[in-house]
Amino acid sequence: MIERKNNVLEALHQDRVPVGAFVQMRCAEIVEAAGHAGYDYVWIDWEHGSFELDTVVDMIRAAEATGLTPIVRVPCGQPAEIARVLDAGAMGIIVPQVSTAEAARQAVGAAKYRTAGYEPGRRGACPLIRATGHQTLDWPAYARWANENTTVWLLVETMEGLRNLDEILAVPGVDAIVLGAFDLAVSMGKDGDRRDPEVERVLDGMIERVHRAGVDVVGLLFDAGPEAMRVSREHYVRAGCRILVAGSDRRLLSNGFAATLAAARPAPAVR
């Protein structure tokens, strides 16, 4: 019996915006804290995080234990990377630097099994994996369930990807496009300035094109403070983003330390 569920898909079916936590640090307990806080899913950043696959598995376990849906950003989108995190129990993948339709097809094919209902699938079939309950689940039922519940998100974050966006969106099985605002701003020669007016116009145009194609958009809320984050949230939701990532472990921890230190440090003595 398959008891796991994809909170992101469930929220979207309920016309609710799912919100995820972004975790880069090598700590499964941070994932647990996000789950207890009430997030819908966790973005486990294996691309930029300082950890290896065994830690990814521990973080997936922490997500499952606290009701979070684990979605993993793989380092470079190779089929072996995608298969390993899905075999470990991830319920979705985030593939960086997708700039062509062929890269999109490779990502989708690596994430989906070849079944009667999904011929393009290329994921290696193995019943002896953690995701099948260590061979306790019926294989045909699991393969169909996995194809229906595994999400494929693509980061479009280069000028080449922007030029090829319509072709990428036409690839069957792409569930969402993630707005790679920082990398895109670098690619545009804006030194990573996501607030540059030209960058913002490009991002808004991307949202419109993705929305028109019937694909979801993931907006990243990495603002410095709650008020700025609320402003970004309203902007993204109005523009058509139905999935959000709110807050990163590094930023939240750094902000918390800075605020605590400012409150605790004695004022300079008056001379």
C-alpha atoms as a PDB file:
ATOM      1  CA  MET A   1       0.000   0.000   0.000  1.00  0.00           C
ATOM      2  CA  ILE A   2       1.388   3.410  -1.016  1.00  0.00           C
ATOM      3  CA  GLU A   3       0.790   5.892   1.785  1.00  0.00           C
ATOM      4  CA  ARG A   4       2.929   8.829   0.656  1.00  0.00           C
ATOM      5  CA  LYS A   5       1.333  11.826  -1.006  1.00  0.00           C
ATOM      6  CA  ASN A   6       2.608  14.802  -2.941  1.00  0.00           C
ATOM      7  CA  ASN A   7       1.483  17.835  -0.943  1.00  0.00           C
ATOM      8  CA  VAL A   8       2.261  20.145  -3.842  1.00  0.00           C
ATOM      9  CA  LEU A   9      -0.087  18.358  -6.220  1.00  0.00           C
ATOM     10  CA  GLU A  10      -2.752  18.080  -3.526  1.00  0.00           C
ATOM     11  CA  ALA A  11      -2.590  21.813  -2.778  1.00  0.00           C
ATOM     12  CA  LEU A  12      -2.811  22.700  -6.465  1.00  0.00           C
ATOM     13  CA  HIS A  13      -5.852  20.456  -6.881  1.00  0.00           C
ATOM     14  CA  GLN A  14      -7.428  22.336  -3.961  1.00  0.00           C
ATOM     15  CA  ASP A  15      -6.601  25.674  -5.635  1.00  0.00           C
ATOM     16  CA  ARG A  16      -4.190  26.493  -2.809  1.00  0.00           C
ATOM     17  CA  VAL A  17      -0.643  27.860  -3.184  1.00  0.00           C
ATOM     18  CA  PRO A  18       1.847  25.346  -1.733  1.00  0.00           C
ATOM     19  CA  VAL A  19       4.811  26.891   0.076  1.00  0.00           C
ATOM     20  CA  GLY A  20       8.192  25.232   0.427  1.00  0.00           C
ATOM     21  CA  ALA A  21      11.292  25.720   2.561  1.00  0.00           C
ATOM     22  CA  PHE A  22      14.721  25.945   0.940  1.00  0.00           C
ATOM     23  CA  VAL A  23      17.408  23.897   2.719  1.00  0.00           C
ATOM     24  CA  GLN A  24      21.091  23.972   1.789  1.00  0.00           C
ATOM     25  CA  MET A  25      22.776  23.113   5.063  1.00  0.00           C
ATOM     26  CA  ARG A  26      23.884  19.611   5.977  1.00  0.00           C
ATOM     27  CA  CYS A  27      21.258  19.090   8.684  1.00  0.00           C
ATOM     28  CA  ALA A  28      18.193  16.839   8.633  1.00  0.00           C
ATOM     29  CA  GLU A  29      16.904  18.578  11.758  1.00  0.00           C
ATOM     30  CA  ILE A  30      16.403  21.787   9.772  1.00  0.00           C
ATOM     31  CA  VAL A  31      14.108  19.816   7.484  1.00  0.00           C
ATOM     32  CA  GLU A  32      12.210  18.565  10.533  1.00  0.00           C
ATOM     33  CA  ALA A  33      11.873  22.123  11.843  1.00  0.00           C
ATOM     34  CA  ALA A  34      10.377  23.217   8.521  1.00  0.00           C
ATOM     35  CA  GLY A  35       7.922  20.332   8.682  1.00  0.00           C
ATOM     36  CA  HIS A  36       6.839  21.193  12.204  1.00  0.00           C
ATOM     37  CA  ALA A  37       6.416  24.832  11.121  1.00  0.00           C
ATOM     38  CA  GLY A  38       3.777  23.723   8.618  1.00  0.00           C
ATOM     39  CA  TYR A  39       5.470  24.018   5.222  1.00  0.00           C
ATOM     40  CA  ASP A  40       4.038  21.898   2.410  1.00  0.00           C
ATOM     41  CA  TYR A  41       7.323  20.740   0.908  1.00  0.00           C
ATOM     42  CA  VAL A  42      11.074  21.117   1.215  1.00  0.00           C
ATOM     43  CA  TRP A  43      13.493  22.025  -1.571  1.00  0.00           C
ATOM     44  CA  ILE A  44      16.599  19.981  -0.738  1.00  0.00           C
ATOM     45  CA  ASP A  45      19.460  21.706  -2.542  1.00  0.00           C
ATOM     46  CA  TRP A  46      21.906  19.001  -3.550  1.00  0.00           C
ATOM     47  CA  GLU A  47      23.388  21.300  -6.222  1.00  0.00           C
ATOM     48  CA  HIS A  48      24.732  23.978  -3.870  1.00  0.00           C
ATOM     49  CA  GLY A  49      24.459  22.198  -0.527  1.00  0.00           C
ATOM     50  CA  SER A  50      27.616  20.954   1.171  1.00  0.00           C
ATOM     51  CA  PHE A  51      26.600  17.287   1.416  1.00  0.00           C
ATOM     52  CA  GLU A  52      26.446  14.018  -0.464  1.00  0.00           C
ATOM     53  CA  LEU A  53      23.709  11.509  -1.310  1.00  0.00           C
ATOM     54  CA  ASP A  54      23.642   9.831   2.112  1.00  0.00           C
ATOM     55  CA  THR A  55      22.702  13.181   3.657  1.00  0.00           C
ATOM     56  CA  VAL A  56      20.042  13.692   0.979  1.00  0.00           C
ATOM     57  CA  VAL A  57      18.495  10.383   2.080  1.00  0.00           C
ATOM     58  CA  ASP A  58      18.527  11.480   5.743  1.00  0.00           C
ATOM     59  CA  MET A  59      16.838  14.749   4.760  1.00  0.00           C
ATOM     60  CA  ILE A  60      14.187  12.850   2.795  1.00  0.00           C
ATOM     61  CA  ARG A  61      13.509  10.724   5.886  1.00  0.00           C
ATOM     62  CA  ALA A  62      13.182  13.877   8.008  1.00  0.00           C
ATOM     63  CA  ALA A  63      10.707  15.289   5.505  1.00  0.00           C
ATOM     64  CA  GLU A  64       8.619  12.129   5.525  1.00  0.00           C
ATOM     65  CA  ALA A  65       8.629  12.019   9.335  1.00  0.00           C
ATOM     66  CA  THR A  66       7.154  15.524   9.576  1.00  0.00           C
ATOM     67  CA  GLY A  67       4.702  15.447   6.679  1.00  0.00           C
ATOM     68  CA  LEU A  68       6.792  17.391   4.158  1.00  0.00           C
ATOM     69  CA  THR A  69       7.016  16.434   0.511  1.00  0.00           C
ATOM     70  CA  PRO A  70      10.743  16.119  -0.376  1.00  0.00           C
ATOM     71  CA  ILE A  71      11.797  17.646  -3.696  1.00  0.00           C
ATOM     72  CA  VAL A  72      15.500  17.559  -4.577  1.00  0.00           C
ATOM     73  CA  ARG A  73      17.503  19.908  -6.759  1.00  0.00           C
ATOM     74  CA  VAL A  74      20.059  17.670  -8.424  1.00  0.00           C
ATOM     75  CA  PRO A  75      23.526  18.997  -9.262  1.00  0.00           C
ATOM     76  CA  CYS A  76      23.389  18.880 -13.063  1.00  0.00           C
ATOM     77  CA  GLY A  77      20.432  16.807 -14.243  1.00  0.00           C
ATOM     78  CA  GLN A  78      22.234  13.628 -15.246  1.00  0.00           C
ATOM     79  CA  PRO A  79      19.830  10.648 -15.403  1.00  0.00           C
ATOM     80  CA  ALA A  80      21.807   8.750 -12.757  1.00  0.00           C
ATOM     81  CA  GLU A  81      21.459  11.656 -10.300  1.00  0.00           C
ATOM     82  CA  ILE A  82      17.733  11.895 -10.929  1.00  0.00           C
ATOM     83  CA  ALA A  83      17.193   8.151 -10.538  1.00  0.00           C
ATOM     84  CA  ARG A  84      19.136   7.956  -7.287  1.00  0.00           C
ATOM     85  CA  VAL A  85      17.196  10.674  -5.459  1.00  0.00           C
ATOM     86  CA  LEU A  86      13.852   9.326  -6.685  1.00  0.00           C
ATOM     87  CA  ASP A  87      14.842   5.777  -5.706  1.00  0.00           C
ATOM     88  CA  ALA A  88      15.658   7.202  -2.252  1.00  0.00           C
ATOM     89  CA  GLY A  89      12.139   8.584  -1.875  1.00  0.00           C
ATOM     90  CA  ALA A  90      12.161  12.092  -3.337  1.00  0.00           C
ATOM     91  CA  MET A  91       8.796  12.955  -4.828  1.00  0.00           C
ATOM     92  CA  GLY A  92      10.104  15.479  -7.278  1.00  0.00           C
ATOM     93  CA  ILE A  93      13.230  16.826  -8.925  1.00  0.00           C
ATOM     94  CA  ILE A  94      14.469  20.310  -9.725  1.00  0.00           C
ATOM     95  CA  VAL A  95      16.902  20.376 -12.635  1.00  0.00           C
ATOM     96  CA  PRO A  96      19.215  23.417 -12.961  1.00  0.00           C
ATOM     97  CA  GLN A  97      20.450  25.192 -16.078  1.00  0.00           C
ATOM     98  CA  VAL A  98      17.860  23.795 -18.492  1.00  0.00           C
ATOM     99  CA  SER A  99      18.342  25.729 -21.717  1.00  0.00           C
ATOM    100  CA  THR A 100      17.045  23.409 -24.456  1.00  0.00           C
ATOM    101  CA  ALA A 101      14.073  21.192 -25.195  1.00  0.00           C
ATOM    102  CA  GLU A 102      16.420  18.206 -25.394  1.00  0.00           C
ATOM    103  CA  ALA A 103      17.609  18.828 -21.813  1.00  0.00           C
ATOM    104  CA  ALA A 104      13.969  19.040 -20.729  1.00  0.00           C
ATOM    105  CA  ARG A 105      13.144  15.742 -22.466  1.00  0.00           C
ATOM    106  CA  GLN A 106      16.142  14.086 -20.800  1.00  0.00           C
ATOM    107  CA  ALA A 107      14.986  15.253 -17.362  1.00  0.00           C
ATOM    108  CA  VAL A 108      11.416  14.059 -17.848  1.00  0.00           C
ATOM    109  CA  GLY A 109      12.525  10.735 -19.288  1.00  0.00           C
ATOM    110  CA  ALA A 110      14.912  10.132 -16.373  1.00  0.00           C
ATOM    111  CA  ALA A 111      12.152  10.853 -13.841  1.00  0.00           C
ATOM    112  CA  LYS A 112       9.463   8.617 -15.359  1.00  0.00           C
ATOM    113  CA  TYR A 113       9.221   4.859 -15.794  1.00  0.00           C
ATOM    114  CA  ARG A 114       8.370   3.326 -19.135  1.00  0.00           C
ATOM    115  CA  THR A 115       4.823   2.048 -18.585  1.00  0.00           C
ATOM    116  CA  ALA A 116       1.843   1.377 -20.822  1.00  0.00           C
ATOM    117  CA  GLY A 117       0.692   4.933 -20.148  1.00  0.00           C
ATOM    118  CA  TYR A 118       4.066   6.663 -20.417  1.00  0.00           C
ATOM    119  CA  GLU A 119       6.213   5.512 -23.305  1.00  0.00           C
ATOM    120  CA  PRO A 120       8.858   8.303 -23.105  1.00  0.00           C
ATOM    121  CA  GLY A 121       9.933   7.116 -19.655  1.00  0.00           C
ATOM    122  CA  ARG A 122      13.576   6.095 -19.343  1.00  0.00           C
ATOM    123  CA  ARG A 123      13.960   5.724 -15.565  1.00  0.00           C
ATOM    124  CA  GLY A 124      15.746   2.525 -14.640  1.00  0.00           C
ATOM    125  CA  ALA A 125      13.270   0.025 -13.209  1.00  0.00           C
ATOM    126  CA  CYS A 126      14.311  -1.634  -9.949  1.00  0.00           C
ATOM    127  CA  PRO A 127      11.924  -2.918  -7.257  1.00  0.00           C
ATOM    128  CA  LEU A 128      14.733  -3.155  -4.666  1.00  0.00           C
ATOM    129  CA  ILE A 129      14.745   0.503  -3.627  1.00  0.00           C
ATOM    130  CA  ARG A 130      13.748   2.582  -0.634  1.00  0.00           C
ATOM    131  CA  ALA A 131      10.884   4.224  -2.530  1.00  0.00           C
ATOM    132  CA  THR A 132       9.160   0.858  -2.963  1.00  0.00           C
ATOM    133  CA  GLY A 133       9.363   0.102   0.741  1.00  0.00           C
ATOM    134  CA  HIS A 134      12.367  -2.117   0.067  1.00  0.00           C
ATOM    135  CA  GLN A 135      10.434  -4.371  -2.355  1.00  0.00           C
ATOM    136  CA  THR A 136       7.249  -4.546  -0.275  1.00  0.00           C
ATOM    137  CA  LEU A 137       5.115  -2.673  -2.825  1.00  0.00           C
ATOM    138  CA  ASP A 138       3.556  -4.139  -5.945  1.00  0.00           C
ATOM    139  CA  TRP A 139       5.824  -3.045  -8.771  1.00  0.00           C
ATOM    140  CA  PRO A 140       3.288  -2.240 -11.535  1.00  0.00           C
ATOM    141  CA  ALA A 141       1.134  -0.275  -9.078  1.00  0.00           C
ATOM    142  CA  TYR A 142       4.159   1.582  -7.740  1.00  0.00           C
ATOM    143  CA  ALA A 143       5.462   2.478 -11.216  1.00  0.00           C
ATOM    144  CA  ARG A 144       2.097   3.928 -12.221  1.00  0.00           C
ATOM    145  CA  TRP A 145       1.806   5.814  -8.916  1.00  0.00           C
ATOM    146  CA  ALA A 146       5.341   7.181  -9.242  1.00  0.00           C
ATOM    147  CA  ASN A 147       4.698   8.475 -12.756  1.00  0.00           C
ATOM    148  CA  GLU A 148       1.528  10.235 -11.588  1.00  0.00           C
ATOM    149  CA  ASN A 149       3.010  11.725  -8.413  1.00  0.00           C
ATOM    150  CA  THR A 150       6.621  12.581  -9.269  1.00  0.00           C
ATOM    151  CA  THR A 151       6.987  16.236 -10.202  1.00  0.00           C
ATOM    152  CA  VAL A 152       9.537  17.589 -12.676  1.00  0.00           C
ATOM    153  CA  TRP A 153      10.582  21.229 -12.240  1.00  0.00           C
ATOM    154  CA  LEU A 154      13.085  22.915 -14.513  1.00  0.00           C
ATOM    155  CA  LEU A 155      15.223  25.944 -13.705  1.00  0.00           C
ATOM    156  CA  VAL A 156      15.387  28.226 -16.733  1.00  0.00           C
ATOM    157  CA  GLU A 157      18.162  30.638 -15.808  1.00  0.00           C
ATOM    158  CA  THR A 158      20.141  31.543 -18.932  1.00  0.00           C
ATOM    159  CA  MET A 159      19.543  33.709 -21.973  1.00  0.00           C
ATOM    160  CA  GLU A 160      19.688  30.555 -24.104  1.00  0.00           C
ATOM    161  CA  GLY A 161      16.952  29.015 -21.970  1.00  0.00           C
ATOM    162  CA  LEU A 162      14.894  32.170 -22.325  1.00  0.00           C
ATOM    163  CA  ARG A 163      15.207  32.026 -26.121  1.00  0.00           C
ATOM    164  CA  ASN A 164      14.180  28.352 -26.125  1.00  0.00           C
ATOM    165  CA  LEU A 165      11.460  28.669 -23.478  1.00  0.00           C
ATOM    166  CA  ASP A 166       8.523  27.909 -25.768  1.00  0.00           C
ATOM    167  CA  GLU A 167      10.199  24.710 -27.029  1.00  0.00           C
ATOM    168  CA  ILE A 168      10.996  23.672 -23.431  1.00  0.00           C
ATOM    169  CA  LEU A 169       7.384  24.241 -22.408  1.00  0.00           C
ATOM    170  CA  ALA A 170       6.175  22.033 -25.263  1.00  0.00           C
ATOM    171  CA  VAL A 171       7.938  18.964 -23.789  1.00  0.00           C
ATOM    172  CA  PRO A 172       5.304  16.644 -22.237  1.00  0.00           C
ATOM    173  CA  GLY A 173       5.816  15.943 -18.544  1.00  0.00           C
ATOM    174  CA  VAL A 174       7.257  19.308 -17.499  1.00  0.00           C
ATOM    175  CA  ASP A 175       5.239  20.234 -14.411  1.00  0.00           C
ATOM    176  CA  ALA A 176       6.742  23.622 -13.558  1.00  0.00           C
ATOM    177  CA  ILE A 177       9.342  26.185 -14.499  1.00  0.00           C
ATOM    178  CA  VAL A 178      11.366  27.672 -11.641  1.00  0.00           C
ATOM    179  CA  LEU A 179      12.317  31.308 -12.072  1.00  0.00           C
ATOM    180  CA  GLY A 180      16.101  31.265 -11.722  1.00  0.00           C
ATOM    181  CA  ALA A 181      16.151  35.006 -11.126  1.00  0.00           C
ATOM    182  CA  PHE A 182      19.709  35.383  -9.808  1.00  0.00           C
ATOM    183  CA  ASP A 183      21.436  33.323 -12.496  1.00  0.00           C
ATOM    184  CA  LEU A 184      19.274  34.913 -15.163  1.00  0.00           C
ATOM    185  CA  ALA A 185      20.298  38.369 -13.934  1.00  0.00           C
ATOM    186  CA  VAL A 186      23.940  37.288 -14.154  1.00  0.00           C
ATOM    187  CA  SER A 187      23.333  35.935 -17.662  1.00  0.00           C
ATOM    188  CA  MET A 188      21.806  39.295 -18.623  1.00  0.00           C
ATOM    189  CA  GLY A 189      24.906  41.135 -17.408  1.00  0.00           C
ATOM    190  CA  LYS A 190      23.143  42.577 -14.347  1.00  0.00           C
ATOM    191  CA  ASP A 191      25.516  41.126 -11.717  1.00  0.00           C
ATOM    192  CA  GLY A 192      22.744  39.079 -10.113  1.00  0.00           C
ATOM    193  CA  ASP A 193      20.513  42.090  -9.421  1.00  0.00           C
ATOM    194  CA  ARG A 194      17.040  40.527  -9.374  1.00  0.00           C
ATOM    195  CA  ARG A 195      15.490  43.967  -8.778  1.00  0.00           C
ATOM    196  CA  ASP A 196      16.895  45.498 -11.947  1.00  0.00           C
ATOM    197  CA  PRO A 197      13.873  46.773 -13.946  1.00  0.00           C
ATOM    198  CA  GLU A 198      14.963  44.910 -17.073  1.00  0.00           C
ATOM    199  CA  VAL A 199      15.341  41.661 -15.128  1.00  0.00           C
ATOM    200  CA  GLU A 200      11.904  42.108 -13.564  1.00  0.00           C
ATOM    201  CA  ARG A 201      10.345  42.696 -16.993  1.00  0.00           C
ATOM    202  CA  VAL A 202      11.961  39.525 -18.322  1.00  0.00           C
ATOM    203  CA  LEU A 203      10.751  37.497 -15.319  1.00  0.00           C
ATOM    204  CA  ASP A 204       7.193  38.810 -15.664  1.00  0.00           C
ATOM    205  CA  GLY A 205       7.288  37.941 -19.352  1.00  0.00           C
ATOM    206  CA  MET A 206       8.482  34.439 -18.512  1.00  0.00           C
ATOM    207  CA  ILE A 207       5.607  33.955 -16.075  1.00  0.00           C
ATOM    208  CA  GLU A 208       3.113  34.997 -18.729  1.00  0.00           C
ATOM    209  CA  ARG A 209       4.579  32.639 -21.342  1.00  0.00           C
ATOM    210  CA  VAL A 210       4.732  29.683 -18.933  1.00  0.00           C
ATOM    211  CA  HIS A 211       1.213  30.340 -17.667  1.00  0.00           C
ATOM    212  CA  ARG A 212      -0.091  30.546 -21.241  1.00  0.00           C
ATOM    213  CA  ALA A 213       1.429  27.114 -21.969  1.00  0.00           C
ATOM    214  CA  GLY A 214      -0.490  25.551 -19.070  1.00  0.00           C
ATOM    215  CA  VAL A 215       2.632  24.875 -16.994  1.00  0.00           C
ATOM    216  CA  ASP A 216       3.031  26.009 -13.394  1.00  0.00           C
ATOM    217  CA  VAL A 217       5.551  28.612 -12.244  1.00  0.00           C
ATOM    218  CA  VAL A 218       7.595  28.419  -9.036  1.00  0.00           C
ATOM    219  CA  GLY A 219       8.438  31.797  -7.494  1.00  0.00           C
ATOM    220  CA  LEU A 220      11.348  32.174  -5.072  1.00  0.00           C
ATOM    221  CA  LEU A 221      10.878  34.427  -2.037  1.00  0.00           C
ATOM    222  CA  PHE A 222      14.388  34.997  -0.710  1.00  0.00           C
ATOM    223  CA  ASP A 223      13.832  38.551   0.516  1.00  0.00           C
ATOM    224  CA  ALA A 224      15.699  39.855   3.551  1.00  0.00           C
ATOM    225  CA  GLY A 225      12.664  40.479   5.764  1.00  0.00           C
ATOM    226  CA  PRO A 226       8.986  39.547   6.195  1.00  0.00           C
ATOM    227  CA  GLU A 227       7.573  42.761   4.721  1.00  0.00           C
ATOM    228  CA  ALA A 228       9.683  42.530   1.565  1.00  0.00           C
ATOM    229  CA  MET A 229       8.697  38.876   1.292  1.00  0.00           C
ATOM    230  CA  ARG A 230       5.000  39.750   1.518  1.00  0.00           C
ATOM    231  CA  VAL A 231       5.443  42.266  -1.306  1.00  0.00           C
ATOM    232  CA  SER A 232       7.199  39.647  -3.474  1.00  0.00           C
ATOM    233  CA  ARG A 233       4.538  37.066  -2.665  1.00  0.00           C
ATOM    234  CA  GLU A 234       1.723  39.352  -3.765  1.00  0.00           C
ATOM    235  CA  HIS A 235       3.569  40.235  -6.952  1.00  0.00           C
ATOM    236  CA  TYR A 236       4.281  36.629  -7.889  1.00  0.00           C
ATOM    237  CA  VAL A 237       0.793  35.364  -7.057  1.00  0.00           C
ATOM    238  CA  ARG A 238      -0.869  38.172  -9.008  1.00  0.00           C
ATOM    239  CA  ALA A 239       1.425  37.402 -11.944  1.00  0.00           C
ATOM    240  CA  GLY A 240       0.335  33.758 -11.958  1.00  0.00           C
ATOM    241  CA  CYS A 241       2.758  31.777  -9.766  1.00  0.00           C
ATOM    242  CA  ARG A 242       0.895  28.913  -8.099  1.00  0.00           C
ATOM    243  CA  ILE A 243       3.908  27.501  -6.184  1.00  0.00           C
ATOM    244  CA  LEU A 244       6.237  29.398  -3.851  1.00  0.00           C
ATOM    245  CA  VAL A 245       9.516  28.820  -2.023  1.00  0.00           C
ATOM    246  CA  ALA A 246       9.719  31.005   1.082  1.00  0.00           C
ATOM    247  CA  GLY A 247      12.917  31.434   3.039  1.00  0.00           C
ATOM    248  CA  SER A 248      16.260  29.654   3.038  1.00  0.00           C
ATOM    249  CA  ASP A 249      17.909  28.056   6.037  1.00  0.00           C
ATOM    250  CA  ARG A 250      21.098  30.117   5.659  1.00  0.00           C
ATOM    251  CA  ARG A 251      19.250  33.445   5.384  1.00  0.00           C
ATOM    252  CA  LEU A 252      16.846  32.679   8.239  1.00  0.00           C
ATOM    253  CA  LEU A 253      19.651  31.570  10.541  1.00  0.00           C
ATOM    254  CA  SER A 254      21.861  34.546   9.667  1.00  0.00           C
ATOM    255  CA  ASN A 255      18.974  36.986  10.137  1.00  0.00           C
ATOM    256  CA  GLY A 256      18.077  35.381  13.453  1.00  0.00           C
ATOM    257  CA  PHE A 257      21.636  35.585  14.765  1.00  0.00           C
ATOM    258  CA  ALA A 258      21.980  39.210  13.659  1.00  0.00           C
ATOM    259  CA  ALA A 259      18.683  40.260  15.250  1.00  0.00           C
ATOM    260  CA  THR A 260      19.455  38.430  18.479  1.00  0.00           C
ATOM    261  CA  LEU A 261      22.930  39.926  18.701  1.00  0.00           C
ATOM    262  CA  ALA A 262      21.570  43.429  18.110  1.00  0.00           C
ATOM    263  CA  ALA A 263      19.070  42.950  20.937  1.00  0.00           C
ATOM    264  CA  ALA A 264      21.566  41.399  23.349  1.00  0.00           C
ATOM    265  CA  ARG A 265      24.649  43.541  22.810  1.00  0.00           C
ATOM    266  CA  PRO A 266      24.911  46.312  25.429  1.00  0.00           C
ATOM    267  CA  ALA A 267      24.710  49.857  24.185  1.00  0.00           C
ATOM    268  CA  PRO A 268      28.038  51.735  24.196  1.00  0.00           C
ATOM    269  CA  ALA A 269      28.742  53.455  27.494  1.00  0.00           C
ATOM    270  CA  VAL A 270      28.150  57.182  27.510  1.00  0.00           C
ATOM    271  CA  ARG A 271      31.373  59.004  28.361  1.00  0.00           C
END
